[in-house]
């Protein structure tokens, strides 16, 4: 029996961070001219977290299947 000693969710976490962060940066650039700063930052952060969460869930399910 071989034990897998690596942390189980490093890969999906890295992929989620690499996809969620650009979403935040792109949306902030596009939303700042149209909305006030606080609303644009909040909407971009929410969208980035949502994308990162969806990517993390998908990658971790693919890894476990």
PDB file of N, CA and C in Angstrom:
ATOM      1  N   UNK A   1       0.839  -1.160   0.000  1.00  0.00           N
ATOM      2  CA  UNK A   1       0.000   0.000   0.000  1.00  0.00           C
ATOM      3  C   UNK A   1       0.899   1.243   0.000  1.00  0.00           C
ATOM      4  N   UNK A   2       0.619   2.167  -0.935  1.00  0.00           N
ATOM      5  CA  UNK A   2       1.395   3.401  -1.046  1.00  0.00           C
ATOM      6  C   UNK A   2       0.556   4.548  -0.497  1.00  0.00           C
ATOM      7  N   UNK A   3       1.138   5.297   0.429  1.00  0.00           N
ATOM      8  CA  UNK A   3       0.429   6.442   0.997  1.00  0.00           C
ATOM      9  C   UNK A   3       0.739   7.690   0.192  1.00  0.00           C
ATOM     10  N   UNK A   4      -0.303   8.442  -0.128  1.00  0.00           N
ATOM     11  CA  UNK A   4      -0.141   9.702  -0.828  1.00  0.00           C
ATOM     12  C   UNK A   4       0.046  10.796   0.222  1.00  0.00           C
ATOM     13  N   UNK A   5       1.251  11.339   0.316  1.00  0.00           N
ATOM     14  CA  UNK A   5       1.557  12.284   1.392  1.00  0.00           C
ATOM     15  C   UNK A   5       1.398  13.741   0.983  1.00  0.00           C
ATOM     16  N   UNK A   6       1.088  14.012  -0.273  1.00  0.00           N
ATOM     17  CA  UNK A   6       0.927  15.417  -0.663  1.00  0.00           C
ATOM     18  C   UNK A   6      -0.430  15.933  -0.219  1.00  0.00           C
ATOM     19  N   UNK A   7      -0.512  17.212   0.065  1.00  0.00           N
ATOM     20  CA  UNK A   7      -1.805  17.786   0.455  1.00  0.00           C
ATOM     21  C   UNK A   7      -2.816  17.619  -0.677  1.00  0.00           C
ATOM     22  N   UNK A   8      -4.038  17.284  -0.349  1.00  0.00           N
ATOM     23  CA  UNK A   8      -4.982  16.865  -1.378  1.00  0.00           C
ATOM     24  C   UNK A   8      -5.478  17.973  -2.300  1.00  0.00           C
ATOM     25  N   UNK A   9      -5.421  19.213  -1.901  1.00  0.00           N
ATOM     26  CA  UNK A   9      -6.055  20.242  -2.712  1.00  0.00           C
ATOM     27  C   UNK A   9      -5.128  21.366  -3.140  1.00  0.00           C
ATOM     28  N   UNK A  10      -3.820  21.116  -3.247  1.00  0.00           N
ATOM     29  CA  UNK A  10      -2.899  22.135  -3.711  1.00  0.00           C
ATOM     30  C   UNK A  10      -3.142  22.455  -5.176  1.00  0.00           C
ATOM     31  N   UNK A  11      -3.287  21.457  -5.985  1.00  0.00           N
ATOM     32  CA  UNK A  11      -3.485  21.662  -7.425  1.00  0.00           C
ATOM     33  C   UNK A  11      -4.742  22.455  -7.737  1.00  0.00           C
ATOM     34  N   UNK A  12      -5.902  21.996  -7.253  1.00  0.00           N
ATOM     35  CA  UNK A  12      -7.115  22.776  -7.502  1.00  0.00           C
ATOM     36  C   UNK A  12      -7.058  24.190  -6.910  1.00  0.00           C
ATOM     37  N   UNK A  13      -6.380  24.359  -5.789  1.00  0.00           N
ATOM     38  CA  UNK A  13      -6.261  25.684  -5.192  1.00  0.00           C
ATOM     39  C   UNK A  13      -5.442  26.634  -6.048  1.00  0.00           C
ATOM     40  N   UNK A  14      -4.368  26.131  -6.603  1.00  0.00           N
ATOM     41  CA  UNK A  14      -3.522  26.958  -7.473  1.00  0.00           C
ATOM     42  C   UNK A  14      -4.271  27.331  -8.742  1.00  0.00           C
ATOM     43  N   UNK A  15      -4.961  26.358  -9.338  1.00  0.00           N
ATOM     44  CA  UNK A  15      -5.725  26.635 -10.562  1.00  0.00           C
ATOM     45  C   UNK A  15      -6.839  27.639 -10.277  1.00  0.00           C
ATOM     46  N   UNK A  16      -7.496  27.513  -9.150  1.00  0.00           N
ATOM     47  CA  UNK A  16      -8.561  28.453  -8.787  1.00  0.00           C
ATOM     48  C   UNK A  16      -8.009  29.864  -8.602  1.00  0.00           C
ATOM     49  N   UNK A  17      -6.864  29.980  -7.950  1.00  0.00           N
ATOM     50  CA  UNK A  17      -6.261  31.301  -7.753  1.00  0.00           C
ATOM     51  C   UNK A  17      -5.820  31.922  -9.075  1.00  0.00           C
ATOM     52  N   UNK A  18      -5.302  31.083  -9.972  1.00  0.00           N
ATOM     53  CA  UNK A  18      -4.833  31.593 -11.259  1.00  0.00           C
ATOM     54  C   UNK A  18      -5.980  31.963 -12.199  1.00  0.00           C
ATOM     55  N   UNK A  19      -7.172  31.474 -11.949  1.00  0.00           N
ATOM     56  CA  UNK A  19      -8.315  31.869 -12.778  1.00  0.00           C
ATOM     57  C   UNK A  19      -9.158  32.951 -12.121  1.00  0.00           C
ATOM     58  N   UNK A  20      -9.272  32.953 -10.813  1.00  0.00           N
ATOM     59  CA  UNK A  20     -10.088  33.951 -10.128  1.00  0.00           C
ATOM     60  C   UNK A  20      -9.447  35.324 -10.090  1.00  0.00           C
ATOM     61  N   UNK A  21      -8.141  35.376  -9.938  1.00  0.00           N
ATOM     62  CA  UNK A  21      -7.451  36.665  -9.854  1.00  0.00           C
ATOM     63  C   UNK A  21      -7.569  37.492 -11.131  1.00  0.00           C
ATOM     64  N   UNK A  22      -7.330  36.917 -12.304  1.00  0.00           N
ATOM     65  CA  UNK A  22      -7.499  37.725 -13.522  1.00  0.00           C
ATOM     66  C   UNK A  22      -8.937  38.217 -13.724  1.00  0.00           C
ATOM     67  N   UNK A  23      -9.899  37.434 -13.284  1.00  0.00           N
ATOM     68  CA  UNK A  23     -11.289  37.867 -13.391  1.00  0.00           C
ATOM     69  C   UNK A  23     -11.496  39.145 -12.590  1.00  0.00           C
ATOM     70  N   UNK A  24     -10.946  39.186 -11.389  1.00  0.00           N
ATOM     71  CA  UNK A  24     -11.079  40.384 -10.557  1.00  0.00           C
ATOM     72  C   UNK A  24     -10.420  41.583 -11.239  1.00  0.00           C
ATOM     73  N   UNK A  25      -9.204  41.416 -11.734  1.00  0.00           N
ATOM     74  CA  UNK A  25      -8.487  42.535 -12.333  1.00  0.00           C
ATOM     75  C   UNK A  25      -9.175  43.049 -13.596  1.00  0.00           C
ATOM     76  N   UNK A  26      -9.648  42.142 -14.433  1.00  0.00           N
ATOM     77  CA  UNK A  26     -10.326  42.562 -15.666  1.00  0.00           C
ATOM     78  C   UNK A  26     -11.637  43.264 -15.344  1.00  0.00           C
ATOM     79  N   UNK A  27     -12.403  42.710 -14.426  1.00  0.00           N
ATOM     80  CA  UNK A  27     -13.674  43.337 -14.087  1.00  0.00           C
ATOM     81  C   UNK A  27     -13.503  44.693 -13.406  1.00  0.00           C
ATOM     82  N   UNK A  28     -12.493  44.843 -12.574  1.00  0.00           N
ATOM     83  CA  UNK A  28     -12.255  46.147 -11.945  1.00  0.00           C
ATOM     84  C   UNK A  28     -11.967  47.197 -13.014  1.00  0.00           C
ATOM     85  N   UNK A  29     -11.146  46.834 -13.995  1.00  0.00           N
ATOM     86  CA  UNK A  29     -10.832  47.791 -15.064  1.00  0.00           C
ATOM     87  C   UNK A  29     -12.067  48.171 -15.871  1.00  0.00           C
ATOM     88  N   UNK A  30     -12.946  47.217 -16.098  1.00  0.00           N
ATOM     89  CA  UNK A  30     -14.135  47.488 -16.906  1.00  0.00           C
ATOM     90  C   UNK A  30     -15.256  48.154 -16.114  1.00  0.00           C
ATOM     91  N   UNK A  31     -15.339  47.895 -14.832  1.00  0.00           N
ATOM     92  CA  UNK A  31     -16.445  48.430 -14.046  1.00  0.00           C
ATOM     93  C   UNK A  31     -16.170  49.810 -13.431  1.00  0.00           C
ATOM     94  N   UNK A  32     -14.924  50.176 -13.241  1.00  0.00           N
ATOM     95  CA  UNK A  32     -14.620  51.466 -12.600  1.00  0.00           C
ATOM     96  C   UNK A  32     -15.199  52.658 -13.355  1.00  0.00           C
ATOM     97  N   UNK A  33     -15.140  52.712 -14.689  1.00  0.00           N
ATOM     98  CA  UNK A  33     -15.730  53.869 -15.365  1.00  0.00           C
ATOM     99  C   UNK A  33     -17.266  53.922 -15.258  1.00  0.00           C
ATOM    100  N   UNK A  34     -17.903  52.796 -15.062  1.00  0.00           N
ATOM    101  CA  UNK A  34     -19.363  52.739 -15.073  1.00  0.00           C
ATOM    102  C   UNK A  34     -19.985  52.849 -13.680  1.00  0.00           C
ATOM    103  N   UNK A  35     -19.292  52.375 -12.665  1.00  0.00           N
ATOM    104  CA  UNK A  35     -19.822  52.363 -11.299  1.00  0.00           C
ATOM    105  C   UNK A  35     -18.882  53.129 -10.380  1.00  0.00           C
ATOM    106  N   UNK A  36     -19.373  53.454  -9.190  1.00  0.00           N
ATOM    107  CA  UNK A  36     -18.450  54.067  -8.234  1.00  0.00           C
ATOM    108  C   UNK A  36     -17.438  53.021  -7.760  1.00  0.00           C
ATOM    109  N   UNK A  37     -16.374  53.474  -7.170  1.00  0.00           N
ATOM    110  CA  UNK A  37     -15.237  52.606  -6.837  1.00  0.00           C
ATOM    111  C   UNK A  37     -15.621  51.458  -5.897  1.00  0.00           C
ATOM    112  N   UNK A  38     -16.383  51.749  -4.856  1.00  0.00           N
ATOM    113  CA  UNK A  38     -16.734  50.723  -3.884  1.00  0.00           C
ATOM    114  C   UNK A  38     -17.597  49.626  -4.512  1.00  0.00           C
ATOM    115  N   UNK A  39     -18.583  50.015  -5.303  1.00  0.00           N
ATOM    116  CA  UNK A  39     -19.460  49.035  -5.936  1.00  0.00           C
ATOM    117  C   UNK A  39     -18.711  48.213  -6.988  1.00  0.00           C
ATOM    118  N   UNK A  40     -17.842  48.860  -7.745  1.00  0.00           N
ATOM    119  CA  UNK A  40     -17.065  48.141  -8.757  1.00  0.00           C
ATOM    120  C   UNK A  40     -16.123  47.125  -8.113  1.00  0.00           C
ATOM    121  N   UNK A  41     -15.462  47.531  -7.034  1.00  0.00           N
ATOM    122  CA  UNK A  41     -14.553  46.614  -6.347  1.00  0.00           C
ATOM    123  C   UNK A  41     -15.313  45.433  -5.734  1.00  0.00           C
ATOM    124  N   UNK A  42     -16.462  45.720  -5.147  1.00  0.00           N
ATOM    125  CA  UNK A  42     -17.242  44.644  -4.526  1.00  0.00           C
ATOM    126  C   UNK A  42     -17.764  43.668  -5.573  1.00  0.00           C
ATOM    127  N   UNK A  43     -18.282  44.167  -6.674  1.00  0.00           N
ATOM    128  CA  UNK A  43     -18.817  43.289  -7.722  1.00  0.00           C
ATOM    129  C   UNK A  43     -17.702  42.452  -8.345  1.00  0.00           C
ATOM    130  N   UNK A  44     -16.554  43.060  -8.576  1.00  0.00           N
ATOM    131  CA  UNK A  44     -15.429  42.323  -9.158  1.00  0.00           C
ATOM    132  C   UNK A  44     -14.921  41.250  -8.200  1.00  0.00           C
ATOM    133  N   UNK A  45     -14.846  41.578  -6.923  1.00  0.00           N
ATOM    134  CA  UNK A  45     -14.381  40.590  -5.936  1.00  0.00           C
ATOM    135  C   UNK A  45     -15.362  39.425  -5.828  1.00  0.00           C
ATOM    136  N   UNK A  46     -16.651  39.727  -5.832  1.00  0.00           N
ATOM    137  CA  UNK A  46     -17.647  38.650  -5.770  1.00  0.00           C
ATOM    138  C   UNK A  46     -17.563  37.742  -6.986  1.00  0.00           C
ATOM    139  N   UNK A  47     -17.414  38.331  -8.164  1.00  0.00           N
ATOM    140  CA  UNK A  47     -17.311  37.523  -9.381  1.00  0.00           C
ATOM    141  C   UNK A  47     -16.035  36.681  -9.378  1.00  0.00           C
ATOM    142  N   UNK A  48     -14.929  37.259  -8.922  1.00  0.00           N
ATOM    143  CA  UNK A  48     -13.669  36.511  -8.857  1.00  0.00           C
ATOM    144  C   UNK A  48     -13.732  35.345  -7.897  1.00  0.00           C
ATOM    145  N   UNK A  49     -14.368  35.567  -6.748  1.00  0.00           N
ATOM    146  CA  UNK A  49     -14.514  34.482  -5.759  1.00  0.00           C
ATOM    147  C   UNK A  49     -15.422  33.393  -6.312  1.00  0.00           C
ATOM    148  N   UNK A  50     -16.485  33.786  -6.995  1.00  0.00           N
ATOM    149  CA  UNK A  50     -17.397  32.797  -7.577  1.00  0.00           C
ATOM    150  C   UNK A  50     -16.687  31.950  -8.620  1.00  0.00           C
ATOM    151  N   UNK A  51     -15.927  32.583  -9.494  1.00  0.00           N
ATOM    152  CA  UNK A  51     -15.185  31.833 -10.517  1.00  0.00           C
ATOM    153  C   UNK A  51     -14.166  30.913  -9.861  1.00  0.00           C
ATOM    154  N   UNK A  52     -13.445  31.409  -8.878  1.00  0.00           N
ATOM    155  CA  UNK A  52     -12.438  30.587  -8.195  1.00  0.00           C
ATOM    156  C   UNK A  52     -13.089  29.394  -7.498  1.00  0.00           C
ATOM    157  N   UNK A  53     -14.236  29.614  -6.887  1.00  0.00           N
ATOM    158  CA  UNK A  53     -14.933  28.525  -6.204  1.00  0.00           C
ATOM    159  C   UNK A  53     -15.415  27.471  -7.190  1.00  0.00           C
ATOM    160  N   UNK A  54     -15.957  27.905  -8.312  1.00  0.00           N
ATOM    161  CA  UNK A  54     -16.410  26.951  -9.326  1.00  0.00           C
ATOM    162  C   UNK A  54     -15.246  26.156  -9.914  1.00  0.00           C
ATOM    163  N   UNK A  55     -14.134  26.833 -10.178  1.00  0.00           N
ATOM    164  CA  UNK A  55     -12.964  26.143 -10.725  1.00  0.00           C
ATOM    165  C   UNK A  55     -12.386  25.176  -9.697  1.00  0.00           C
ATOM    166  N   UNK A  56     -12.302  25.585  -8.439  1.00  0.00           N
ATOM    167  CA  UNK A  56     -11.793  24.709  -7.384  1.00  0.00           C
ATOM    168  C   UNK A  56     -12.664  23.462  -7.258  1.00  0.00           C
ATOM    169  N   UNK A  57     -13.972  23.649  -7.270  1.00  0.00           N
ATOM    170  CA  UNK A  57     -14.895  22.498  -7.148  1.00  0.00           C
ATOM    171  C   UNK A  57     -14.725  21.552  -8.325  1.00  0.00           C
ATOM    172  N   UNK A  58     -14.671  22.108  -9.532  1.00  0.00           N
ATOM    173  CA  UNK A  58     -14.527  21.267 -10.720  1.00  0.00           C
ATOM    174  C   UNK A  58     -13.195  20.506 -10.712  1.00  0.00           C
ATOM    175  N   UNK A  59     -12.122  21.202 -10.384  1.00  0.00           N
ATOM    176  CA  UNK A  59     -10.801  20.549 -10.388  1.00  0.00           C
ATOM    177  C   UNK A  59     -10.687  19.496  -9.286  1.00  0.00           C
ATOM    178  N   UNK A  60     -11.234  19.760  -8.131  1.00  0.00           N
ATOM    179  CA  UNK A  60     -11.135  18.775  -7.056  1.00  0.00           C
ATOM    180  C   UNK A  60     -11.995  17.557  -7.346  1.00  0.00           C
ATOM    181  N   UNK A  61     -13.125  17.754  -8.008  1.00  0.00           N
ATOM    182  CA  UNK A  61     -13.938  16.597  -8.402  1.00  0.00           C
ATOM    183  C   UNK A  61     -13.272  15.783  -9.486  1.00  0.00           C
ATOM    184  N   UNK A  62     -12.616  16.457 -10.424  1.00  0.00           N
ATOM    185  CA  UNK A  62     -11.891  15.728 -11.464  1.00  0.00           C
ATOM    186  C   UNK A  62     -10.739  14.931 -10.871  1.00  0.00           C
ATOM    187  N   UNK A  63     -10.086  15.505  -9.872  1.00  0.00           N
ATOM    188  CA  UNK A  63      -8.964  14.821  -9.231  1.00  0.00           C
ATOM    189  C   UNK A  63      -9.418  13.591  -8.471  1.00  0.00           C
ATOM    190  N   UNK A  64     -10.593  13.665  -7.848  1.00  0.00           N
ATOM    191  CA  UNK A  64     -11.087  12.551  -7.028  1.00  0.00           C
ATOM    192  C   UNK A  64     -11.810  11.488  -7.827  1.00  0.00           C
ATOM    193  N   UNK A  65     -12.106  11.759  -9.082  1.00  0.00           N
ATOM    194  CA  UNK A  65     -12.840  10.736  -9.848  1.00  0.00           C
ATOM    195  C   UNK A  65     -11.924   9.803 -10.587  1.00  0.00           C
TER     196      UNK A  65
END
